[in-house]
Amino acid sequence: MKQEYNIIAFTENHIGLLNRITIVFTRRKVNIESLTVSESAIKGISKFTIVVNSTSEQVSKIVQQIEKQVEVMKAFYHTNDELIFQEIALYKVSTEALTESNQIENLVRKYNARILEITKEYTVIEKTGHKEETQAFFHELNEFKVLQFIRSGRVAITRSTTERLSEFLAERDAILSKKDD
């Protein structure tokens, strides 16, 4: 049964790695819903967060293929309930629409959004939350003709108290030190 999965991959930062990782999905005909790459809590290590709709078996195979990349230290997959995650969305609306009535201001309050910038021509509004929340805000705000809209990829952390890569590195270091003895 298909469901939403989050693939987390810890990597070294090398040119071409993103391309090689996305090819893994292309070959298996799995669409990437969201992809975010950033520094991790461990110096020199990047963290890929990739969201897909697929089966557990398919995601497991994809993770195994990702781990075959030389620069990938370790990859994991999680369901949504194993993570805490958010996205950020930015909306640009006409400042005239904002000042003509208090409806946009009421929507900003209703959706717990915030105004980032106001100019003579436009106003930029920010909303963080899950995709469903940012989309719902867009649909209501679009009654006032949204000029521009963008949503980031997902950023996520596990509900576990430690980063799983830390556990993997500790195990690896213990194995390596035993070999040295």
C-alpha atoms as a PDB file:
ATOM      1  CA  MET A   1       0.000   0.000   0.000  1.00  0.00           C
ATOM      2  CA  LYS A   2       1.323   3.429  -0.964  1.00  0.00           C
ATOM      3  CA  GLN A   3       1.827   6.068   1.681  1.00  0.00           C
ATOM      4  CA  GLU A   4       4.024   9.077   2.308  1.00  0.00           C
ATOM      5  CA  TYR A   5       7.609   8.293   3.342  1.00  0.00           C
ATOM      6  CA  ASN A   6      10.485  10.558   4.296  1.00  0.00           C
ATOM      7  CA  ILE A   7      13.941   9.437   3.228  1.00  0.00           C
ATOM      8  CA  ILE A   8      16.783  10.975   5.200  1.00  0.00           C
ATOM      9  CA  ALA A   9      20.295  10.589   3.753  1.00  0.00           C
ATOM     10  CA  PHE A  10      23.493  11.819   5.380  1.00  0.00           C
ATOM     11  CA  THR A  11      26.215  12.583   2.876  1.00  0.00           C
ATOM     12  CA  GLU A  12      29.468  14.294   2.173  1.00  0.00           C
ATOM     13  CA  ASN A  13      28.950  17.391   0.038  1.00  0.00           C
ATOM     14  CA  HIS A  14      30.178  16.493  -3.480  1.00  0.00           C
ATOM     15  CA  ILE A  15      29.370  17.818  -6.943  1.00  0.00           C
ATOM     16  CA  GLY A  16      26.946  15.588  -8.866  1.00  0.00           C
ATOM     17  CA  LEU A  17      25.635  13.660  -5.846  1.00  0.00           C
ATOM     18  CA  LEU A  18      22.166  15.224  -6.050  1.00  0.00           C
ATOM     19  CA  ASN A  19      21.900  14.122  -9.666  1.00  0.00           C
ATOM     20  CA  ARG A  20      22.970  10.553  -8.859  1.00  0.00           C
ATOM     21  CA  ILE A  21      20.487  10.333  -5.975  1.00  0.00           C
ATOM     22  CA  THR A  22      17.562  11.610  -8.063  1.00  0.00           C
ATOM     23  CA  ILE A  23      18.406   9.084 -10.795  1.00  0.00           C
ATOM     24  CA  VAL A  24      17.690   6.315  -8.258  1.00  0.00           C
ATOM     25  CA  PHE A  25      14.091   7.559  -8.074  1.00  0.00           C
ATOM     26  CA  THR A  26      13.792   8.007 -11.833  1.00  0.00           C
ATOM     27  CA  ARG A  27      14.902   4.436 -12.521  1.00  0.00           C
ATOM     28  CA  ARG A  28      12.276   3.107 -10.113  1.00  0.00           C
ATOM     29  CA  LYS A  29       9.604   5.466 -11.502  1.00  0.00           C
ATOM     30  CA  VAL A  30       9.001   7.098  -8.099  1.00  0.00           C
ATOM     31  CA  ASN A  31       8.148  10.804  -8.080  1.00  0.00           C
ATOM     32  CA  ILE A  32       9.863  13.037  -5.532  1.00  0.00           C
ATOM     33  CA  GLU A  33       7.220  15.179  -3.811  1.00  0.00           C
ATOM     34  CA  SER A  34       9.723  17.319  -1.897  1.00  0.00           C
ATOM     35  CA  LEU A  35      13.514  17.487  -1.626  1.00  0.00           C
ATOM     36  CA  THR A  36      15.532  19.609   0.782  1.00  0.00           C
ATOM     37  CA  VAL A  37      19.275  19.537   1.365  1.00  0.00           C
ATOM     38  CA  SER A  38      21.042  21.333   4.195  1.00  0.00           C
ATOM     39  CA  GLU A  39      23.856  21.061   6.691  1.00  0.00           C
ATOM     40  CA  SER A  40      23.259  18.526   9.435  1.00  0.00           C
ATOM     41  CA  ALA A  41      24.093  18.764  13.124  1.00  0.00           C
ATOM     42  CA  ILE A  42      27.382  17.000  12.337  1.00  0.00           C
ATOM     43  CA  LYS A  43      30.082  19.257  10.861  1.00  0.00           C
ATOM     44  CA  GLY A  44      30.873  18.507   7.224  1.00  0.00           C
ATOM     45  CA  ILE A  45      27.823  16.272   6.725  1.00  0.00           C
ATOM     46  CA  SER A  46      24.811  17.258   4.606  1.00  0.00           C
ATOM     47  CA  LYS A  47      21.290  15.998   5.204  1.00  0.00           C
ATOM     48  CA  PHE A  48      18.891  15.187   2.364  1.00  0.00           C
ATOM     49  CA  THR A  49      15.181  15.072   3.244  1.00  0.00           C
ATOM     50  CA  ILE A  50      13.200  13.491   0.412  1.00  0.00           C
ATOM     51  CA  VAL A  51       9.428  12.956   0.502  1.00  0.00           C
ATOM     52  CA  VAL A  52       7.808  10.298  -1.710  1.00  0.00           C
ATOM     53  CA  ASN A  53       4.514   8.447  -2.013  1.00  0.00           C
ATOM     54  CA  SER A  54       5.351   4.788  -2.416  1.00  0.00           C
ATOM     55  CA  THR A  55       5.276   1.359  -0.808  1.00  0.00           C
ATOM     56  CA  SER A  56       7.479   0.295   2.079  1.00  0.00           C
ATOM     57  CA  GLU A  57       9.203  -2.289  -0.127  1.00  0.00           C
ATOM     58  CA  GLN A  58       9.953   0.258  -2.861  1.00  0.00           C
ATOM     59  CA  VAL A  59      11.280   2.831  -0.369  1.00  0.00           C
ATOM     60  CA  SER A  60      13.472   0.197   1.283  1.00  0.00           C
ATOM     61  CA  LYS A  61      15.034  -0.634  -2.109  1.00  0.00           C
ATOM     62  CA  ILE A  62      15.541   3.046  -2.885  1.00  0.00           C
ATOM     63  CA  VAL A  63      17.335   3.590   0.443  1.00  0.00           C
ATOM     64  CA  GLN A  64      19.610   0.622  -0.299  1.00  0.00           C
ATOM     65  CA  GLN A  65      20.445   2.107  -3.715  1.00  0.00           C
ATOM     66  CA  ILE A  66      21.128   5.539  -2.220  1.00  0.00           C
ATOM     67  CA  GLU A  67      23.503   3.995   0.313  1.00  0.00           C
ATOM     68  CA  LYS A  68      25.554   2.529  -2.559  1.00  0.00           C
ATOM     69  CA  GLN A  69      26.683   6.046  -3.477  1.00  0.00           C
ATOM     70  CA  VAL A  70      30.239   6.516  -2.190  1.00  0.00           C
ATOM     71  CA  GLU A  71      29.515   9.898  -0.582  1.00  0.00           C
ATOM     72  CA  VAL A  72      26.440   8.633   1.312  1.00  0.00           C
ATOM     73  CA  MET A  73      27.251   7.706   4.878  1.00  0.00           C
ATOM     74  CA  LYS A  74      23.832   6.341   5.842  1.00  0.00           C
ATOM     75  CA  ALA A  75      20.200   6.637   4.749  1.00  0.00           C
ATOM     76  CA  PHE A  76      16.981   5.950   6.633  1.00  0.00           C
ATOM     77  CA  TYR A  77      13.279   6.146   5.913  1.00  0.00           C
ATOM     78  CA  HIS A  78      10.445   7.211   8.188  1.00  0.00           C
ATOM     79  CA  THR A  79       6.702   7.605   8.161  1.00  0.00           C
ATOM     80  CA  ASN A  80       5.255  11.029   8.969  1.00  0.00           C
ATOM     81  CA  ASP A  81       4.343  10.066  12.546  1.00  0.00           C
ATOM     82  CA  GLU A  82       8.017   9.314  13.289  1.00  0.00           C
ATOM     83  CA  LEU A  83       9.030  12.888  12.446  1.00  0.00           C
ATOM     84  CA  ILE A  84       8.390  16.484  13.340  1.00  0.00           C
ATOM     85  CA  PHE A  85       8.277  18.448  10.096  1.00  0.00           C
ATOM     86  CA  GLN A  86       7.352  21.802   8.620  1.00  0.00           C
ATOM     87  CA  GLU A  87       7.416  23.709   5.367  1.00  0.00           C
ATOM     88  CA  ILE A  88       7.542  27.447   4.807  1.00  0.00           C
ATOM     89  CA  ALA A  89       5.434  29.291   2.255  1.00  0.00           C
ATOM     90  CA  LEU A  90       5.675  32.861   1.013  1.00  0.00           C
ATOM     91  CA  TYR A  91       2.758  34.734  -0.538  1.00  0.00           C
ATOM     92  CA  LYS A  92       2.910  38.080  -2.333  1.00  0.00           C
ATOM     93  CA  VAL A  93      -0.318  40.068  -2.512  1.00  0.00           C
ATOM     94  CA  SER A  94      -1.131  43.572  -3.609  1.00  0.00           C
ATOM     95  CA  THR A  95      -0.773  46.086  -0.762  1.00  0.00           C
ATOM     96  CA  GLU A  96      -3.901  47.748  -2.114  1.00  0.00           C
ATOM     97  CA  ALA A  97      -5.864  44.534  -1.447  1.00  0.00           C
ATOM     98  CA  LEU A  98      -4.480  44.489   2.099  1.00  0.00           C
ATOM     99  CA  THR A  99      -5.466  48.067   2.842  1.00  0.00           C
ATOM    100  CA  GLU A 100      -8.925  48.017   1.199  1.00  0.00           C
ATOM    101  CA  SER A 101     -10.386  45.784   3.905  1.00  0.00           C
ATOM    102  CA  ASN A 102      -9.368  43.811   6.951  1.00  0.00           C
ATOM    103  CA  GLN A 103     -10.070  40.415   5.324  1.00  0.00           C
ATOM    104  CA  ILE A 104      -6.432  39.640   4.496  1.00  0.00           C
ATOM    105  CA  GLU A 105      -5.385  40.696   7.993  1.00  0.00           C
ATOM    106  CA  ASN A 106      -8.052  38.373   9.418  1.00  0.00           C
ATOM    107  CA  LEU A 107      -6.733  35.494   7.275  1.00  0.00           C
ATOM    108  CA  VAL A 108      -3.182  36.169   8.459  1.00  0.00           C
ATOM    109  CA  ARG A 109      -4.391  35.893  12.053  1.00  0.00           C
ATOM    110  CA  LYS A 110      -6.601  32.860  11.355  1.00  0.00           C
ATOM    111  CA  TYR A 111      -3.689  30.924   9.823  1.00  0.00           C
ATOM    112  CA  ASN A 112      -1.096  32.194  12.303  1.00  0.00           C
ATOM    113  CA  ALA A 113       0.929  33.691   9.452  1.00  0.00           C
ATOM    114  CA  ARG A 114       3.002  36.845   9.593  1.00  0.00           C
ATOM    115  CA  ILE A 115       3.680  39.805   7.375  1.00  0.00           C
ATOM    116  CA  LEU A 116       7.348  40.003   6.357  1.00  0.00           C
ATOM    117  CA  GLU A 117       7.432  43.104   4.182  1.00  0.00           C
ATOM    118  CA  ILE A 118       5.099  45.832   3.070  1.00  0.00           C
ATOM    119  CA  THR A 119       5.881  48.096   0.114  1.00  0.00           C
ATOM    120  CA  LYS A 120       3.705  50.445  -1.864  1.00  0.00           C
ATOM    121  CA  GLU A 121       3.067  47.781  -4.514  1.00  0.00           C
ATOM    122  CA  TYR A 122       3.042  44.487  -2.618  1.00  0.00           C
ATOM    123  CA  THR A 123       2.987  42.740   0.754  1.00  0.00           C
ATOM    124  CA  VAL A 124       4.838  39.492   1.505  1.00  0.00           C
ATOM    125  CA  ILE A 125       3.267  37.072   3.959  1.00  0.00           C
ATOM    126  CA  GLU A 126       4.968  34.020   5.511  1.00  0.00           C
ATOM    127  CA  LYS A 127       3.255  30.849   6.758  1.00  0.00           C
ATOM    128  CA  THR A 128       4.961  27.814   8.244  1.00  0.00           C
ATOM    129  CA  GLY A 129       3.169  24.511   8.686  1.00  0.00           C
ATOM    130  CA  HIS A 130       2.275  21.336   6.883  1.00  0.00           C
ATOM    131  CA  LYS A 131       1.523  21.337   3.157  1.00  0.00           C
ATOM    132  CA  GLU A 132      -2.235  21.131   3.766  1.00  0.00           C
ATOM    133  CA  GLU A 133      -2.152  24.273   5.960  1.00  0.00           C
ATOM    134  CA  THR A 134      -0.046  26.347   3.567  1.00  0.00           C
ATOM    135  CA  GLN A 135      -2.237  25.240   0.620  1.00  0.00           C
ATOM    136  CA  ALA A 136      -5.464  26.066   2.482  1.00  0.00           C
ATOM    137  CA  PHE A 137      -4.108  29.533   3.294  1.00  0.00           C
ATOM    138  CA  PHE A 138      -3.178  29.985  -0.378  1.00  0.00           C
ATOM    139  CA  HIS A 139      -6.683  29.080  -1.558  1.00  0.00           C
ATOM    140  CA  GLU A 140      -8.342  31.569   0.790  1.00  0.00           C
ATOM    141  CA  LEU A 141      -5.758  34.269   0.140  1.00  0.00           C
ATOM    142  CA  ASN A 142      -6.049  33.780  -3.617  1.00  0.00           C
ATOM    143  CA  GLU A 143      -9.520  35.344  -3.488  1.00  0.00           C
ATOM    144  CA  PHE A 144      -7.467  38.577  -3.312  1.00  0.00           C
ATOM    145  CA  LYS A 145      -5.318  37.582  -6.336  1.00  0.00           C
ATOM    146  CA  VAL A 146      -2.022  36.237  -4.987  1.00  0.00           C
ATOM    147  CA  LEU A 147       0.740  37.714  -7.170  1.00  0.00           C
ATOM    148  CA  GLN A 148       3.351  35.072  -6.287  1.00  0.00           C
ATOM    149  CA  PHE A 149       3.420  31.912  -4.179  1.00  0.00           C
ATOM    150  CA  ILE A 150       6.250  29.532  -3.247  1.00  0.00           C
ATOM    151  CA  ARG A 151       6.509  26.690  -0.757  1.00  0.00           C
ATOM    152  CA  SER A 152       9.770  25.159   0.430  1.00  0.00           C
ATOM    153  CA  GLY A 153      10.558  21.491   0.661  1.00  0.00           C
ATOM    154  CA  ARG A 154      10.017  19.695   3.918  1.00  0.00           C
ATOM    155  CA  VAL A 155      12.433  20.102   6.803  1.00  0.00           C
ATOM    156  CA  ALA A 156      12.217  17.314   9.344  1.00  0.00           C
ATOM    157  CA  ILE A 157      13.763  15.927  12.486  1.00  0.00           C
ATOM    158  CA  THR A 158      13.064  12.583  14.115  1.00  0.00           C
ATOM    159  CA  ARG A 159      11.123  12.262  17.325  1.00  0.00           C
ATOM    160  CA  SER A 160      14.103  10.314  18.680  1.00  0.00           C
ATOM    161  CA  THR A 161      16.353  12.171  21.138  1.00  0.00           C
ATOM    162  CA  THR A 162      19.452  11.604  18.960  1.00  0.00           C
ATOM    163  CA  GLU A 163      20.233  11.876  15.288  1.00  0.00           C
ATOM    164  CA  ARG A 164      20.337   8.338  13.896  1.00  0.00           C
ATOM    165  CA  LEU A 165      23.579   9.086  12.079  1.00  0.00           C
ATOM    166  CA  SER A 166      25.258   9.672  15.458  1.00  0.00           C
ATOM    167  CA  GLU A 167      24.299   6.139  16.509  1.00  0.00           C
ATOM    168  CA  PHE A 168      25.606   4.739  13.219  1.00  0.00           C
ATOM    169  CA  LEU A 169      28.918   6.604  13.541  1.00  0.00           C
ATOM    170  CA  ALA A 170      29.360   5.422  17.147  1.00  0.00           C
ATOM    171  CA  GLU A 171      28.773   1.791  16.075  1.00  0.00           C
ATOM    172  CA  ARG A 172      31.172   2.190  13.142  1.00  0.00           C
ATOM    173  CA  ASP A 173      33.866   3.716  15.360  1.00  0.00           C
ATOM    174  CA  ALA A 174      33.475   0.883  17.891  1.00  0.00           C
ATOM    175  CA  ILE A 175      33.903  -1.718  15.134  1.00  0.00           C
ATOM    176  CA  LEU A 176      36.942   0.082  13.719  1.00  0.00           C
ATOM    177  CA  SER A 177      38.595   0.379  17.143  1.00  0.00           C
ATOM    178  CA  LYS A 178      38.096  -3.382  17.738  1.00  0.00           C
ATOM    179  CA  LYS A 179      39.816  -4.087  14.410  1.00  0.00           C
ATOM    180  CA  ASP A 180      42.764  -1.927  15.491  1.00  0.00           C
ATOM    181  CA  ASP A 181      43.200  -3.940  18.734  1.00  0.00           C
END
